[in-house]
Amino acid sequence: MSTQESEWILHSVIFTLKHEKGSEQEKRFLEDGERILTMIPVVRNFKVYRQVSAKNDYDYGFAMEFENQRDYDAYNAHPLHEQFVNERWVKEVEKFLEIDYKL
């Protein structure tokens, strides 16, 4: 395994929104999340998912990659991330589970 691979991080979060499924608010949240978070330069391969497993009761997922811990830390401290969390996430997400992976 290369040093670069060992530093790589997959950041994922599964969540349920307070909004009704299929609502305009749901659509706006998912679209805005992708638009805003992908403006952060260190974010790679951002994806929005609809969770389909019957084994949990979360509805959606965001996943993105970072080249290393420094980029992941920069993302967490980035003003756009902090603004999205404070102005949207805290108000609109009912519950979530965050999972981060390294190879």
PDB file of N, CA and C in Angstrom:
ATOM      1  N   MET A   1       0.850  -1.184   0.000  1.00  0.00           N
ATOM      2  CA  MET A   1       0.000   0.000   0.000  1.00  0.00           C
ATOM      3  C   MET A   1       0.889   1.237   0.000  1.00  0.00           C
ATOM      4  N   SER A   2       0.592   2.151  -0.869  1.00  0.00           N
ATOM      5  CA  SER A   2       1.398   3.367  -0.951  1.00  0.00           C
ATOM      6  C   SER A   2       1.078   4.301   0.206  1.00  0.00           C
ATOM      7  N   THR A   3       1.981   5.231   0.466  1.00  0.00           N
ATOM      8  CA  THR A   3       1.749   6.226   1.512  1.00  0.00           C
ATOM      9  C   THR A   3       0.504   7.032   1.208  1.00  0.00           C
ATOM     10  N   GLN A   4       0.312   7.371  -0.068  1.00  0.00           N
ATOM     11  CA  GLN A   4      -0.857   8.158  -0.447  1.00  0.00           C
ATOM     12  C   GLN A   4      -2.138   7.398  -0.126  1.00  0.00           C
ATOM     13  N   GLU A   5      -2.200   6.096  -0.446  1.00  0.00           N
ATOM     14  CA  GLU A   5      -3.382   5.308  -0.142  1.00  0.00           C
ATOM     15  C   GLU A   5      -3.618   5.223   1.357  1.00  0.00           C
ATOM     16  N   SER A   6      -2.557   5.094   2.144  1.00  0.00           N
ATOM     17  CA  SER A   6      -2.727   4.949   3.586  1.00  0.00           C
ATOM     18  C   SER A   6      -3.206   6.242   4.235  1.00  0.00           C
ATOM     19  N   GLU A   7      -3.048   7.362   3.560  1.00  0.00           N
ATOM     20  CA  GLU A   7      -3.510   8.640   4.097  1.00  0.00           C
ATOM     21  C   GLU A   7      -4.924   8.985   3.637  1.00  0.00           C
ATOM     22  N   TRP A   8      -5.410   8.340   2.603  1.00  0.00           N
ATOM     23  CA  TRP A   8      -6.723   8.597   2.020  1.00  0.00           C
ATOM     24  C   TRP A   8      -7.822   8.374   3.057  1.00  0.00           C
ATOM     25  N   ILE A   9      -8.852   9.229   3.030  1.00  0.00           N
ATOM     26  CA  ILE A   9      -9.982   9.099   3.952  1.00  0.00           C
ATOM     27  C   ILE A   9     -11.281   9.164   3.160  1.00  0.00           C
ATOM     28  N   LEU A  10     -12.168   8.215   3.434  1.00  0.00           N
ATOM     29  CA  LEU A  10     -13.534   8.268   2.931  1.00  0.00           C
ATOM     30  C   LEU A  10     -14.403   8.744   4.087  1.00  0.00           C
ATOM     31  N   HIS A  11     -15.026   9.885   3.911  1.00  0.00           N
ATOM     32  CA  HIS A  11     -15.905  10.475   4.926  1.00  0.00           C
ATOM     33  C   HIS A  11     -17.336  10.232   4.478  1.00  0.00           C
ATOM     34  N   SER A  12     -18.119   9.595   5.315  1.00  0.00           N
ATOM     35  CA  SER A  12     -19.508   9.328   4.957  1.00  0.00           C
ATOM     36  C   SER A  12     -20.411   9.625   6.143  1.00  0.00           C
ATOM     37  N   VAL A  13     -21.608  10.041   5.806  1.00  0.00           N
ATOM     38  CA  VAL A  13     -22.607  10.293   6.834  1.00  0.00           C
ATOM     39  C   VAL A  13     -23.956   9.854   6.280  1.00  0.00           C
ATOM     40  N   ILE A  14     -24.667   9.042   7.059  1.00  0.00           N
ATOM     41  CA  ILE A  14     -26.030   8.681   6.698  1.00  0.00           C
ATOM     42  C   ILE A  14     -26.945   9.454   7.623  1.00  0.00           C
ATOM     43  N   PHE A  15     -28.106   9.840   7.102  1.00  0.00           N
ATOM     44  CA  PHE A  15     -28.952  10.736   7.884  1.00  0.00           C
ATOM     45  C   PHE A  15     -30.415  10.646   7.468  1.00  0.00           C
ATOM     46  N   THR A  16     -31.250  11.163   8.334  1.00  0.00           N
ATOM     47  CA  THR A  16     -32.680  11.312   8.086  1.00  0.00           C
ATOM     48  C   THR A  16     -33.019  12.777   8.267  1.00  0.00           C
ATOM     49  N   LEU A  17     -33.776  13.295   7.322  1.00  0.00           N
ATOM     50  CA  LEU A  17     -34.184  14.699   7.391  1.00  0.00           C
ATOM     51  C   LEU A  17     -35.497  14.856   8.140  1.00  0.00           C
ATOM     52  N   LYS A  18     -35.732  16.041   8.644  1.00  0.00           N
ATOM     53  CA  LYS A  18     -37.006  16.382   9.268  1.00  0.00           C
ATOM     54  C   LYS A  18     -38.086  16.597   8.210  1.00  0.00           C
ATOM     55  N   HIS A  19     -37.670  16.800   6.961  1.00  0.00           N
ATOM     56  CA  HIS A  19     -38.605  17.062   5.869  1.00  0.00           C
ATOM     57  C   HIS A  19     -39.272  15.776   5.392  1.00  0.00           C
ATOM     58  N   GLU A  20     -40.442  15.924   4.825  1.00  0.00           N
ATOM     59  CA  GLU A  20     -41.159  14.798   4.246  1.00  0.00           C
ATOM     60  C   GLU A  20     -40.406  14.286   3.016  1.00  0.00           C
ATOM     61  N   LYS A  21     -40.385  12.969   2.853  1.00  0.00           N
ATOM     62  CA  LYS A  21     -39.735  12.381   1.679  1.00  0.00           C
ATOM     63  C   LYS A  21     -40.428  12.870   0.419  1.00  0.00           C
ATOM     64  N   GLY A  22     -39.618  13.230  -0.566  1.00  0.00           N
ATOM     65  CA  GLY A  22     -40.156  13.706  -1.829  1.00  0.00           C
ATOM     66  C   GLY A  22     -40.544  15.174  -1.838  1.00  0.00           C
ATOM     67  N   SER A  23     -40.355  15.851  -0.726  1.00  0.00           N
ATOM     68  CA  SER A  23     -40.747  17.262  -0.627  1.00  0.00           C
ATOM     69  C   SER A  23     -39.725  18.168  -1.304  1.00  0.00           C
ATOM     70  N   GLU A  24     -40.157  19.376  -1.586  1.00  0.00           N
ATOM     71  CA  GLU A  24     -39.261  20.378  -2.156  1.00  0.00           C
ATOM     72  C   GLU A  24     -38.129  20.693  -1.179  1.00  0.00           C
ATOM     73  N   GLN A  25     -38.424  20.698   0.135  1.00  0.00           N
ATOM     74  CA  GLN A  25     -37.396  20.970   1.144  1.00  0.00           C
ATOM     75  C   GLN A  25     -36.321  19.883   1.136  1.00  0.00           C
ATOM     76  N   GLU A  26     -36.750  18.632   0.982  1.00  0.00           N
ATOM     77  CA  GLU A  26     -35.795  17.526   0.900  1.00  0.00           C
ATOM     78  C   GLU A  26     -34.884  17.716  -0.314  1.00  0.00           C
ATOM     79  N   LYS A  27     -35.480  17.952  -1.457  1.00  0.00           N
ATOM     80  CA  LYS A  27     -34.721  18.141  -2.695  1.00  0.00           C
ATOM     81  C   LYS A  27     -33.735  19.292  -2.553  1.00  0.00           C
ATOM     82  N   ARG A  28     -34.196  20.395  -1.994  1.00  0.00           N
ATOM     83  CA  ARG A  28     -33.345  21.579  -1.835  1.00  0.00           C
ATOM     84  C   ARG A  28     -32.166  21.287  -0.901  1.00  0.00           C
ATOM     85  N   PHE A  29     -32.431  20.593   0.208  1.00  0.00           N
ATOM     86  CA  PHE A  29     -31.356  20.272   1.154  1.00  0.00           C
ATOM     87  C   PHE A  29     -30.275  19.430   0.476  1.00  0.00           C
ATOM     88  N   LEU A  30     -30.675  18.380  -0.221  1.00  0.00           N
ATOM     89  CA  LEU A  30     -29.709  17.491  -0.867  1.00  0.00           C
ATOM     90  C   LEU A  30     -28.930  18.215  -1.958  1.00  0.00           C
ATOM     91  N   GLU A  31     -29.621  19.013  -2.755  1.00  0.00           N
ATOM     92  CA  GLU A  31     -28.942  19.770  -3.814  1.00  0.00           C
ATOM     93  C   GLU A  31     -28.011  20.831  -3.234  1.00  0.00           C
ATOM     94  N   ASP A  32     -28.486  21.545  -2.225  1.00  0.00           N
ATOM     95  CA  ASP A  32     -27.654  22.578  -1.601  1.00  0.00           C
ATOM     96  C   ASP A  32     -26.440  21.970  -0.921  1.00  0.00           C
ATOM     97  N   GLY A  33     -26.631  20.826  -0.263  1.00  0.00           N
ATOM     98  CA  GLY A  33     -25.502  20.159   0.375  1.00  0.00           C
ATOM     99  C   GLY A  33     -24.416  19.836  -0.631  1.00  0.00           C
ATOM    100  N   GLU A  34     -24.809  19.262  -1.750  1.00  0.00           N
ATOM    101  CA  GLU A  34     -23.820  18.936  -2.782  1.00  0.00           C
ATOM    102  C   GLU A  34     -23.173  20.198  -3.348  1.00  0.00           C
ATOM    103  N   ARG A  35     -23.981  21.185  -3.654  1.00  0.00           N
ATOM    104  CA  ARG A  35     -23.458  22.418  -4.253  1.00  0.00           C
ATOM    105  C   ARG A  35     -22.477  23.124  -3.320  1.00  0.00           C
ATOM    106  N   ILE A  36     -22.856  23.261  -2.066  1.00  0.00           N
ATOM    107  CA  ILE A  36     -22.034  24.005  -1.104  1.00  0.00           C
ATOM    108  C   ILE A  36     -20.769  23.234  -0.729  1.00  0.00           C
ATOM    109  N   LEU A  37     -20.924  21.968  -0.394  1.00  0.00           N
ATOM    110  CA  LEU A  37     -19.773  21.205   0.090  1.00  0.00           C
ATOM    111  C   LEU A  37     -18.752  20.921  -1.006  1.00  0.00           C
ATOM    112  N   THR A  38     -19.194  20.820  -2.246  1.00  0.00           N
ATOM    113  CA  THR A  38     -18.232  20.609  -3.333  1.00  0.00           C
ATOM    114  C   THR A  38     -17.498  21.889  -3.709  1.00  0.00           C
ATOM    115  N   MET A  39     -17.893  23.010  -3.160  1.00  0.00           N
ATOM    116  CA  MET A  39     -17.149  24.253  -3.365  1.00  0.00           C
ATOM    117  C   MET A  39     -15.882  24.289  -2.513  1.00  0.00           C
ATOM    118  N   ILE A  40     -15.776  23.388  -1.555  1.00  0.00           N
ATOM    119  CA  ILE A  40     -14.592  23.312  -0.703  1.00  0.00           C
ATOM    120  C   ILE A  40     -13.510  22.571  -1.495  1.00  0.00           C
ATOM    121  N   PRO A  41     -12.390  23.220  -1.748  1.00  0.00           N
ATOM    122  CA  PRO A  41     -11.395  22.676  -2.691  1.00  0.00           C
ATOM    123  C   PRO A  41     -10.858  21.287  -2.375  1.00  0.00           C
ATOM    124  N   VAL A  42     -10.807  20.883  -1.122  1.00  0.00           N
ATOM    125  CA  VAL A  42     -10.206  19.585  -0.776  1.00  0.00           C
ATOM    126  C   VAL A  42     -11.173  18.412  -0.918  1.00  0.00           C
ATOM    127  N   VAL A  43     -12.446  18.683  -1.164  1.00  0.00           N
ATOM    128  CA  VAL A  43     -13.454  17.623  -1.301  1.00  0.00           C
ATOM    129  C   VAL A  43     -13.295  16.944  -2.659  1.00  0.00           C
ATOM    130  N   ARG A  44     -13.237  15.607  -2.639  1.00  0.00           N
ATOM    131  CA  ARG A  44     -13.114  14.814  -3.864  1.00  0.00           C
ATOM    132  C   ARG A  44     -14.261  13.800  -3.929  1.00  0.00           C
ATOM    133  N   ASN A  45     -14.760  13.557  -5.120  1.00  0.00           N
ATOM    134  CA  ASN A  45     -15.732  12.479  -5.381  1.00  0.00           C
ATOM    135  C   ASN A  45     -16.953  12.530  -4.467  1.00  0.00           C
ATOM    136  N   PHE A  46     -17.545  13.703  -4.345  1.00  0.00           N
ATOM    137  CA  PHE A  46     -18.737  13.875  -3.511  1.00  0.00           C
ATOM    138  C   PHE A  46     -19.910  13.137  -4.145  1.00  0.00           C
ATOM    139  N   LYS A  47     -20.655  12.409  -3.331  1.00  0.00           N
ATOM    140  CA  LYS A  47     -21.833  11.676  -3.794  1.00  0.00           C
ATOM    141  C   LYS A  47     -22.985  11.887  -2.817  1.00  0.00           C
ATOM    142  N   VAL A  48     -24.185  11.916  -3.370  1.00  0.00           N
ATOM    143  CA  VAL A  48     -25.412  11.943  -2.577  1.00  0.00           C
ATOM    144  C   VAL A  48     -26.106  10.608  -2.820  1.00  0.00           C
ATOM    145  N   TYR A  49     -26.498   9.937  -1.751  1.00  0.00           N
ATOM    146  CA  TYR A  49     -27.126   8.627  -1.866  1.00  0.00           C
ATOM    147  C   TYR A  49     -28.495   8.612  -1.205  1.00  0.00           C
ATOM    148  N   ARG A  50     -29.337   7.727  -1.708  1.00  0.00           N
ATOM    149  CA  ARG A  50     -30.587   7.388  -1.031  1.00  0.00           C
ATOM    150  C   ARG A  50     -30.360   5.998  -0.442  1.00  0.00           C
ATOM    151  N   GLN A  51     -30.478   5.894   0.839  1.00  0.00           N
ATOM    152  CA  GLN A  51     -30.195   4.667   1.576  1.00  0.00           C
ATOM    153  C   GLN A  51     -31.364   3.704   1.366  1.00  0.00           C
ATOM    154  N   VAL A  52     -31.083   2.440   1.041  1.00  0.00           N
ATOM    155  CA  VAL A  52     -32.152   1.493   0.707  1.00  0.00           C
ATOM    156  C   VAL A  52     -32.198   0.254   1.597  1.00  0.00           C
ATOM    157  N   SER A  53     -31.261   0.088   2.491  1.00  0.00           N
ATOM    158  CA  SER A  53     -31.251  -1.103   3.336  1.00  0.00           C
ATOM    159  C   SER A  53     -32.416  -1.083   4.318  1.00  0.00           C
ATOM    160  N   ALA A  54     -33.052  -2.239   4.476  1.00  0.00           N
ATOM    161  CA  ALA A  54     -34.120  -2.376   5.467  1.00  0.00           C
ATOM    162  C   ALA A  54     -33.548  -2.584   6.868  1.00  0.00           C
ATOM    163  N   LYS A  55     -32.231  -2.672   6.980  1.00  0.00           N
ATOM    164  CA  LYS A  55     -31.593  -2.953   8.261  1.00  0.00           C
ATOM    165  C   LYS A  55     -31.328  -1.712   9.100  1.00  0.00           C
ATOM    166  N   ASN A  56     -31.628  -0.531   8.564  1.00  0.00           N
ATOM    167  CA  ASN A  56     -31.534   0.691   9.367  1.00  0.00           C
ATOM    168  C   ASN A  56     -32.601   1.663   8.886  1.00  0.00           C
ATOM    169  N   ASP A  57     -32.814   2.710   9.640  1.00  0.00           N
ATOM    170  CA  ASP A  57     -33.900   3.632   9.294  1.00  0.00           C
ATOM    171  C   ASP A  57     -33.402   5.018   8.874  1.00  0.00           C
ATOM    172  N   TYR A  58     -32.190   5.079   8.340  1.00  0.00           N
ATOM    173  CA  TYR A  58     -31.697   6.323   7.750  1.00  0.00           C
ATOM    174  C   TYR A  58     -32.156   6.377   6.291  1.00  0.00           C
ATOM    175  N   ASP A  59     -32.253   7.586   5.750  1.00  0.00           N
ATOM    176  CA  ASP A  59     -32.801   7.749   4.403  1.00  0.00           C
ATOM    177  C   ASP A  59     -31.792   8.167   3.343  1.00  0.00           C
ATOM    178  N   TYR A  60     -30.747   8.893   3.722  1.00  0.00           N
ATOM    179  CA  TYR A  60     -29.848   9.509   2.745  1.00  0.00           C
ATOM    180  C   TYR A  60     -28.402   9.347   3.186  1.00  0.00           C
ATOM    181  N   GLY A  61     -27.513   9.604   2.264  1.00  0.00           N
ATOM    182  CA  GLY A  61     -26.097   9.591   2.588  1.00  0.00           C
ATOM    183  C   GLY A  61     -25.340  10.609   1.765  1.00  0.00           C
ATOM    184  N   PHE A  62     -24.345  11.205   2.389  1.00  0.00           N
ATOM    185  CA  PHE A  62     -23.338  12.007   1.696  1.00  0.00           C
ATOM    186  C   PHE A  62     -22.029  11.254   1.878  1.00  0.00           C
ATOM    187  N   ALA A  63     -21.230  11.181   0.829  1.00  0.00           N
ATOM    188  CA  ALA A  63     -19.900  10.584   0.940  1.00  0.00           C
ATOM    189  C   ALA A  63     -18.933  11.416   0.115  1.00  0.00           C
ATOM    190  N   MET A  64     -17.717  11.505   0.592  1.00  0.00           N
ATOM    191  CA  MET A  64     -16.680  12.256  -0.109  1.00  0.00           C
ATOM    192  C   MET A  64     -15.326  11.713   0.303  1.00  0.00           C
ATOM    193  N   GLU A  65     -14.320  12.027  -0.485  1.00  0.00           N
ATOM    194  CA  GLU A  65     -12.973  11.542  -0.215  1.00  0.00           C
ATOM    195  C   GLU A  65     -12.028  12.708   0.033  1.00  0.00           C
ATOM    196  N   PHE A  66     -11.010  12.406   0.835  1.00  0.00           N
ATOM    197  CA  PHE A  66      -9.936  13.364   1.108  1.00  0.00           C
ATOM    198  C   PHE A  66      -8.613  12.656   0.888  1.00  0.00           C
ATOM    199  N   GLU A  67      -7.646  13.382   0.372  1.00  0.00           N
ATOM    200  CA  GLU A  67      -6.344  12.782   0.092  1.00  0.00           C
ATOM    201  C   GLU A  67      -5.580  12.433   1.357  1.00  0.00           C
ATOM    202  N   ASN A  68      -5.848  13.157   2.454  1.00  0.00           N
ATOM    203  CA  ASN A  68      -5.097  12.920   3.684  1.00  0.00           C
ATOM    204  C   ASN A  68      -5.803  13.595   4.863  1.00  0.00           C
ATOM    205  N   GLN A  69      -5.272  13.371   6.048  1.00  0.00           N
ATOM    206  CA  GLN A  69      -5.862  13.930   7.263  1.00  0.00           C
ATOM    207  C   GLN A  69      -5.862  15.453   7.242  1.00  0.00           C
ATOM    208  N   ARG A  70      -4.829  16.050   6.699  1.00  0.00           N
ATOM    209  CA  ARG A  70      -4.750  17.514   6.619  1.00  0.00           C
ATOM    210  C   ARG A  70      -5.927  18.077   5.811  1.00  0.00           C
ATOM    211  N   ASP A  71      -6.242  17.445   4.680  1.00  0.00           N
ATOM    212  CA  ASP A  71      -7.372  17.898   3.865  1.00  0.00           C
ATOM    213  C   ASP A  71      -8.692  17.692   4.595  1.00  0.00           C
ATOM    214  N   TYR A  72      -8.816  16.564   5.293  1.00  0.00           N
ATOM    215  CA  TYR A  72     -10.030  16.296   6.064  1.00  0.00           C
ATOM    216  C   TYR A  72     -10.212  17.349   7.161  1.00  0.00           C
ATOM    217  N   ASP A  73      -9.143  17.679   7.849  1.00  0.00           N
ATOM    218  CA  ASP A  73      -9.203  18.710   8.892  1.00  0.00           C
ATOM    219  C   ASP A  73      -9.539  20.076   8.295  1.00  0.00           C
ATOM    220  N   ALA A  74      -8.975  20.366   7.123  1.00  0.00           N
ATOM    221  CA  ALA A  74      -9.268  21.639   6.452  1.00  0.00           C
ATOM    222  C   ALA A  74     -10.743  21.715   6.075  1.00  0.00           C
ATOM    223  N   TYR A  75     -11.309  20.610   5.630  1.00  0.00           N
ATOM    224  CA  TYR A  75     -12.743  20.548   5.314  1.00  0.00           C
ATOM    225  C   TYR A  75     -13.582  20.847   6.553  1.00  0.00           C
ATOM    226  N   ASN A  76     -13.273  20.176   7.651  1.00  0.00           N
ATOM    227  CA  ASN A  76     -14.053  20.365   8.876  1.00  0.00           C
ATOM    228  C   ASN A  76     -14.013  21.801   9.376  1.00  0.00           C
ATOM    229  N   ALA A  77     -12.900  22.475   9.173  1.00  0.00           N
ATOM    230  CA  ALA A  77     -12.742  23.855   9.651  1.00  0.00           C
ATOM    231  C   ALA A  77     -13.123  24.895   8.598  1.00  0.00           C
ATOM    232  N   HIS A  78     -13.446  24.460   7.401  1.00  0.00           N
ATOM    233  CA  HIS A  78     -13.728  25.408   6.315  1.00  0.00           C
ATOM    234  C   HIS A  78     -15.015  26.191   6.605  1.00  0.00           C
ATOM    235  N   PRO A  79     -15.026  27.492   6.357  1.00  0.00           N
ATOM    236  CA  PRO A  79     -16.213  28.318   6.621  1.00  0.00           C
ATOM    237  C   PRO A  79     -17.480  27.828   5.912  1.00  0.00           C
ATOM    238  N   LEU A  80     -17.374  27.303   4.700  1.00  0.00           N
ATOM    239  CA  LEU A  80     -18.571  26.798   4.014  1.00  0.00           C
ATOM    240  C   LEU A  80     -19.135  25.568   4.716  1.00  0.00           C
ATOM    241  N   HIS A  81     -18.265  24.687   5.196  1.00  0.00           N
ATOM    242  CA  HIS A  81     -18.725  23.518   5.939  1.00  0.00           C
ATOM    243  C   HIS A  81     -19.380  23.948   7.249  1.00  0.00           C
ATOM    244  N   GLU A  82     -18.715  24.814   7.979  1.00  0.00           N
ATOM    245  CA  GLU A  82     -19.264  25.278   9.254  1.00  0.00           C
ATOM    246  C   GLU A  82     -20.596  25.992   9.057  1.00  0.00           C
ATOM    247  N   GLN A  83     -20.705  26.790   8.016  1.00  0.00           N
ATOM    248  CA  GLN A  83     -21.950  27.499   7.738  1.00  0.00           C
ATOM    249  C   GLN A  83     -23.063  26.514   7.381  1.00  0.00           C
ATOM    250  N   PHE A  84     -22.767  25.527   6.539  1.00  0.00           N
ATOM    251  CA  PHE A  84     -23.772  24.529   6.177  1.00  0.00           C
ATOM    252  C   PHE A  84     -24.245  23.763   7.409  1.00  0.00           C
ATOM    253  N   VAL A  85     -23.315  23.366   8.248  1.00  0.00           N
ATOM    254  CA  VAL A  85     -23.681  22.634   9.468  1.00  0.00           C
ATOM    255  C   VAL A  85     -24.568  23.492  10.364  1.00  0.00           C
ATOM    256  N   ASN A  86     -24.159  24.727  10.613  1.00  0.00           N
ATOM    257  CA  ASN A  86     -24.897  25.586  11.548  1.00  0.00           C
ATOM    258  C   ASN A  86     -26.231  26.079  11.009  1.00  0.00           C
ATOM    259  N   GLU A  87     -26.282  26.384   9.722  1.00  0.00           N
ATOM    260  CA  GLU A  87     -27.492  26.980   9.161  1.00  0.00           C
ATOM    261  C   GLU A  87     -28.460  25.971   8.564  1.00  0.00           C
ATOM    262  N   ARG A  88     -27.987  24.807   8.181  1.00  0.00           N
ATOM    263  CA  ARG A  88     -28.858  23.832   7.530  1.00  0.00           C
ATOM    264  C   ARG A  88     -28.902  22.502   8.287  1.00  0.00           C
ATOM    265  N   TRP A  89     -27.726  21.909   8.502  1.00  0.00           N
ATOM    266  CA  TRP A  89     -27.668  20.563   9.076  1.00  0.00           C
ATOM    267  C   TRP A  89     -28.354  20.500  10.437  1.00  0.00           C
ATOM    268  N   VAL A  90     -27.962  21.369  11.331  1.00  0.00           N
ATOM    269  CA  VAL A  90     -28.504  21.343  12.695  1.00  0.00           C
ATOM    270  C   VAL A  90     -30.022  21.527  12.688  1.00  0.00           C
ATOM    271  N   LYS A  91     -30.527  22.341  11.792  1.00  0.00           N
ATOM    272  CA  LYS A  91     -31.954  22.660  11.742  1.00  0.00           C
ATOM    273  C   LYS A  91     -32.783  21.622  10.984  1.00  0.00           C
ATOM    274  N   GLU A  92     -32.184  20.944  10.007  1.00  0.00           N
ATOM    275  CA  GLU A  92     -32.976  20.119   9.099  1.00  0.00           C
ATOM    276  C   GLU A  92     -32.740  18.616   9.206  1.00  0.00           C
ATOM    277  N   VAL A  93     -31.686  18.206   9.891  1.00  0.00           N
ATOM    278  CA  VAL A  93     -31.388  16.781  10.025  1.00  0.00           C
ATOM    279  C   VAL A  93     -31.935  16.277  11.355  1.00  0.00           C
ATOM    280  N   GLU A  94     -32.722  15.218  11.270  1.00  0.00           N
ATOM    281  CA  GLU A  94     -33.317  14.626  12.468  1.00  0.00           C
ATOM    282  C   GLU A  94     -32.309  13.781  13.234  1.00  0.00           C
ATOM    283  N   LYS A  95     -31.554  12.954  12.502  1.00  0.00           N
ATOM    284  CA  LYS A  95     -30.537  12.101  13.129  1.00  0.00           C
ATOM    285  C   LYS A  95     -29.524  11.713  12.073  1.00  0.00           C
ATOM    286  N   PHE A  96     -28.331  11.332  12.532  1.00  0.00           N
ATOM    287  CA  PHE A  96     -27.284  10.953  11.583  1.00  0.00           C
ATOM    288  C   PHE A  96     -26.258  10.051  12.241  1.00  0.00           C
ATOM    289  N   LEU A  97     -25.489   9.402  11.382  1.00  0.00           N
ATOM    290  CA  LEU A  97     -24.370   8.572  11.802  1.00  0.00           C
ATOM    291  C   LEU A  97     -23.216   8.863  10.858  1.00  0.00           C
ATOM    292  N   GLU A  98     -22.107   9.280  11.414  1.00  0.00           N
ATOM    293  CA  GLU A  98     -20.925   9.616  10.621  1.00  0.00           C
ATOM    294  C   GLU A  98     -19.915   8.484  10.732  1.00  0.00           C
ATOM    295  N   ILE A  99     -19.365   8.091   9.580  1.00  0.00           N
ATOM    296  CA  ILE A  99     -18.366   7.028   9.543  1.00  0.00           C
ATOM    297  C   ILE A  99     -17.243   7.472   8.620  1.00  0.00           C
ATOM    298  N   ASP A 100     -16.020   7.369   9.089  1.00  0.00           N
ATOM    299  CA  ASP A 100     -14.855   7.719   8.286  1.00  0.00           C
ATOM    300  C   ASP A 100     -13.965   6.488   8.168  1.00  0.00           C
ATOM    301  N   TYR A 101     -13.459   6.259   6.963  1.00  0.00           N
ATOM    302  CA  TYR A 101     -12.648   5.081   6.682  1.00  0.00           C
ATOM    303  C   TYR A 101     -11.284   5.474   6.145  1.00  0.00           C
ATOM    304  N   LYS A 102     -10.300   4.646   6.458  1.00  0.00           N
ATOM    305  CA  LYS A 102      -8.985   4.689   5.822  1.00  0.00           C
ATOM    306  C   LYS A 102      -8.717   3.304   5.259  1.00  0.00           C
ATOM    307  N   LEU A 103      -7.908   3.252   4.212  1.00  0.00           N
ATOM    308  CA  LEU A 103      -7.512   1.946   3.652  1.00  0.00           C
ATOM    309  C   LEU A 103      -6.500   1.279   4.560  1.00  0.00           C
TER     310      LEU A 103
END
